[in-house]
Amino acid sequence: MIAHCRERLADFEAPGSHVSGEPLPRNADGKLRQSELRRHAPLR
């Protein structure tokens, strides 16, 4: 994915790394469960 981005984006726009993880939590309607995302997000 990073190679794909570097071919198509400027150097400062391309990601330096990529972390693959679990799929995003969604409800029955397919919308993202934002409360669960906030719970797992790192603190700023």
N, C-alpha and C. Protein backbone atom coordinates (compact mmCIF):
# COMPACT_ATOMS: atom_id res chain seq x y z
N MET A 1 0.82 -1.18 0.00
CA MET A 1 0.00 0.00 0.00
C MET A 1 0.87 1.25 0.00
N ILE A 2 1.95 1.23 0.77
CA ILE A 2 2.82 2.41 0.84
C ILE A 2 3.45 2.69 -0.53
N ALA A 3 3.87 1.64 -1.23
CA ALA A 3 4.46 1.82 -2.56
C ALA A 3 3.42 2.43 -3.51
N HIS A 4 2.19 1.97 -3.42
CA HIS A 4 1.11 2.49 -4.26
C HIS A 4 0.92 3.99 -3.99
N CYS A 5 0.92 4.39 -2.72
CA CYS A 5 0.73 5.79 -2.35
C CYS A 5 1.91 6.64 -2.81
N ARG A 6 3.13 6.12 -2.66
CA ARG A 6 4.31 6.90 -3.06
C ARG A 6 4.36 7.16 -4.55
N GLU A 7 3.78 6.25 -5.34
CA GLU A 7 3.74 6.45 -6.79
C GLU A 7 2.76 7.56 -7.17
N ARG A 8 1.72 7.75 -6.37
CA ARG A 8 0.62 8.64 -6.76
C ARG A 8 0.53 9.93 -5.95
N LEU A 9 1.25 10.01 -4.82
CA LEU A 9 1.15 11.18 -3.95
C LEU A 9 2.50 11.85 -3.81
N ALA A 10 2.47 13.11 -3.41
CA ALA A 10 3.71 13.82 -3.10
C ALA A 10 4.36 13.17 -1.88
N ASP A 11 5.67 13.34 -1.73
CA ASP A 11 6.40 12.71 -0.63
C ASP A 11 5.79 13.04 0.74
N PHE A 12 5.39 14.29 0.94
CA PHE A 12 4.87 14.68 2.25
C PHE A 12 3.45 14.16 2.49
N GLU A 13 2.76 13.70 1.45
CA GLU A 13 1.41 13.18 1.61
C GLU A 13 1.38 11.67 1.82
N ALA A 14 2.41 10.97 1.37
CA ALA A 14 2.43 9.51 1.47
C ALA A 14 2.67 9.08 2.92
N PRO A 15 1.97 8.06 3.36
CA PRO A 15 2.17 7.59 4.73
C PRO A 15 3.54 6.95 4.91
N GLY A 16 4.10 7.11 6.10
CA GLY A 16 5.39 6.51 6.39
C GLY A 16 5.26 5.07 6.83
N SER A 17 4.10 4.73 7.40
CA SER A 17 3.88 3.35 7.84
C SER A 17 2.39 3.06 7.81
N HIS A 18 2.07 1.79 7.92
CA HIS A 18 0.68 1.35 7.89
C HIS A 18 0.53 0.21 8.88
N VAL A 19 -0.49 0.29 9.72
CA VAL A 19 -0.75 -0.76 10.70
C VAL A 19 -2.08 -1.39 10.36
N SER A 20 -2.06 -2.68 10.14
CA SER A 20 -3.29 -3.40 9.84
C SER A 20 -3.81 -4.01 11.14
N GLY A 21 -5.08 -3.88 11.37
CA GLY A 21 -5.64 -4.38 12.62
C GLY A 21 -7.02 -4.95 12.42
N GLU A 22 -7.78 -4.91 13.48
CA GLU A 22 -9.14 -5.43 13.44
C GLU A 22 -10.02 -4.52 12.58
N PRO A 23 -11.08 -5.08 12.01
CA PRO A 23 -12.02 -4.22 11.27
C PRO A 23 -12.67 -3.21 12.22
N LEU A 24 -13.10 -2.09 11.69
CA LEU A 24 -13.74 -1.07 12.51
C LEU A 24 -15.09 -1.56 13.03
N PRO A 25 -15.42 -1.19 14.28
CA PRO A 25 -16.70 -1.64 14.86
C PRO A 25 -17.88 -0.93 14.20
N ARG A 26 -18.85 -1.71 13.77
CA ARG A 26 -20.03 -1.15 13.11
C ARG A 26 -21.30 -1.67 13.76
N ASN A 27 -22.36 -0.88 13.67
CA ASN A 27 -23.64 -1.33 14.20
C ASN A 27 -24.40 -2.10 13.12
N ALA A 28 -25.62 -2.48 13.40
CA ALA A 28 -26.41 -3.28 12.46
C ALA A 28 -26.70 -2.53 11.15
N ASP A 29 -26.71 -1.20 11.20
CA ASP A 29 -26.96 -0.40 10.00
C ASP A 29 -25.70 -0.17 9.17
N GLY A 30 -24.55 -0.62 9.68
CA GLY A 30 -23.29 -0.44 8.96
C GLY A 30 -22.57 0.83 9.32
N LYS A 31 -23.11 1.61 10.26
CA LYS A 31 -22.46 2.85 10.67
C LYS A 31 -21.38 2.55 11.71
N LEU A 32 -20.34 3.38 11.72
CA LEU A 32 -19.28 3.20 12.70
C LEU A 32 -19.78 3.50 14.10
N ARG A 33 -19.37 2.68 15.07
CA ARG A 33 -19.72 2.92 16.47
C ARG A 33 -18.64 3.83 17.06
N GLN A 34 -18.92 5.13 17.03
CA GLN A 34 -17.93 6.12 17.44
C GLN A 34 -17.57 6.02 18.91
N SER A 35 -18.50 5.66 19.75
CA SER A 35 -18.20 5.55 21.18
C SER A 35 -17.16 4.46 21.41
N GLU A 36 -17.25 3.37 20.68
CA GLU A 36 -16.27 2.29 20.83
C GLU A 36 -14.92 2.69 20.25
N LEU A 37 -14.92 3.45 19.18
CA LEU A 37 -13.66 3.94 18.60
C LEU A 37 -12.95 4.86 19.59
N ARG A 38 -13.70 5.75 20.23
CA ARG A 38 -13.10 6.68 21.20
C ARG A 38 -12.49 5.92 22.37
N ARG A 39 -13.13 4.85 22.79
CA ARG A 39 -12.66 4.07 23.92
C ARG A 39 -11.28 3.45 23.63
N HIS A 40 -11.02 3.08 22.37
CA HIS A 40 -9.79 2.41 22.00
C HIS A 40 -8.73 3.35 21.43
N ALA A 41 -9.08 4.59 21.19
CA ALA A 41 -8.14 5.55 20.59
C ALA A 41 -7.10 5.99 21.62
N PRO A 42 -5.86 6.21 21.19
CA PRO A 42 -4.84 6.71 22.12
C PRO A 42 -5.16 8.15 22.52
N LEU A 43 -4.83 8.49 23.75
CA LEU A 43 -5.06 9.86 24.24
C LEU A 43 -4.07 10.80 23.60
N ARG A 44 -4.51 12.01 23.32
CA ARG A 44 -3.62 13.02 22.73
C ARG A 44 -2.78 13.66 23.76
